[in-house]
Protein backbone atom coordinates (compact mmCIF):
# COMPACT_ATOMS: atom_id res chain seq x y z
CA GLU A 1 -2.89 -2.40 9.73
CA ILE A 2 0.86 -2.30 9.71
CA ASP A 3 2.26 0.46 11.87
CA PRO A 4 2.96 3.13 10.70
CA THR A 5 0.47 3.40 7.84
CA ASP A 6 0.09 6.90 6.45
CA ALA A 7 -2.95 6.55 4.19
CA PHE A 8 -5.74 4.17 3.30
CA ILE A 9 -6.62 4.45 -0.38
CA PRO A 10 -8.64 1.74 -2.15
CA PHE A 11 -6.71 0.13 -4.99
CA ASP A 12 -9.36 0.93 -7.57
CA ILE A 13 -9.27 4.71 -6.98
CA ILE A 14 -5.57 5.26 -6.30
CA GLY A 15 -5.14 6.73 -9.78
CA SER A 16 -7.54 9.54 -8.89
CA ARG A 17 -5.83 10.22 -5.55
CA LEU A 18 -2.27 10.86 -6.74
CA SER A 19 -2.35 14.32 -5.16
CA ASP A 20 -2.60 12.59 -1.76
CA LEU A 21 0.71 10.78 -2.31
CA PRO A 22 4.31 11.96 -1.88
CA ALA A 23 6.47 13.03 -4.82
CA LYS A 24 6.93 10.47 -7.57
CA ASP A 25 10.54 9.75 -6.54
CA GLN A 26 9.69 9.11 -2.86
CA PRO A 27 9.30 5.54 -1.54
CA ILE A 28 5.75 4.21 -1.34
CA VAL A 29 4.98 0.83 0.23
CA LEU A 30 1.63 -0.72 -0.57
CA TYR A 31 -0.17 -3.58 1.12
CA CYS A 32 -3.59 -5.16 1.42
CA GLN A 33 -4.93 -8.34 3.00
CA THR A 34 -3.47 -10.85 0.52
CA GLY A 35 -1.35 -8.76 -1.85
CA ARG A 36 -3.59 -9.00 -4.92
CA MET A 37 -5.10 -5.51 -4.76
CA SER A 38 -1.89 -3.80 -3.68
CA ALA A 39 -0.15 -5.33 -6.71
CA ILE A 40 -2.78 -3.72 -8.95
CA ALA A 41 -2.31 -0.38 -7.15
CA ALA A 42 1.48 -0.66 -7.56
CA GLU A 43 1.09 -1.18 -11.30
CA THR A 44 -1.15 1.91 -11.46
CA LEU A 45 1.47 4.03 -9.68
CA VAL A 46 4.34 2.80 -11.86
CA ARG A 47 2.30 3.60 -14.98
CA ALA A 48 1.70 7.08 -13.49
CA GLY A 49 5.46 7.64 -13.23
CA TYR A 50 6.22 6.69 -9.62
CA THR A 51 9.73 5.29 -9.43
CA ASP A 52 10.12 3.91 -5.89
CA VAL A 53 7.04 1.71 -5.42
CA TRP A 54 7.13 -1.36 -3.17
CA ASP A 55 4.39 -3.96 -2.79
CA LEU A 56 4.27 -6.25 0.25
CA GLY A 57 4.03 -9.68 -1.37
CA GLY A 58 1.39 -11.78 0.32
CA GLY A 59 -0.03 -8.76 2.14
CA MET A 60 -0.98 -8.70 5.79
CA GLU A 61 -1.48 -12.47 5.72
CA ALA A 62 2.21 -12.99 4.91
CA TRP A 63 3.17 -10.30 7.44
CA THR A 64 1.38 -12.06 10.30
CA ALA A 65 2.57 -15.49 9.13
CA ALA A 66 6.12 -14.15 9.54
CA GLY A 67 5.26 -13.33 13.15
CA LEU A 68 5.17 -9.57 12.62
CA PRO A 69 2.63 -7.42 14.47
CA LEU A 70 -0.49 -5.70 13.23
CA VAL A 71 -2.25 -2.89 15.07
CA GLN A 72 -5.99 -2.37 15.48
CA ARG A 73 -7.13 1.23 15.32
CA PRO A 74 -10.65 2.45 15.74
CA PRO A 75 -12.33 3.56 12.50
CA GLY A 76 -12.32 7.23 11.73
C-alpha cells in the first residue's frame, strides 16, 4: 500500500460504503494495482456528488516504477 492509506474499500462496493468516506467536498485519492479499478471507483464517487476525487493513474505499478515506496502491513 501507499503510506498513509486510510481505508481499503473494494471498487465494486464503494457506492454502498459512502458513509465511510469524508464529506463530499474533501479530497479523496484512489488507487489500486494498475489503475483500472480505482478509475471505476472514481467515476462512482463523482456520480455520487463527490467533487475532489483523484485517481492515481497507473496505480501502484506506476508508483513503484517512479521509484516511490510501498509499505507492507500485516493483514487485519
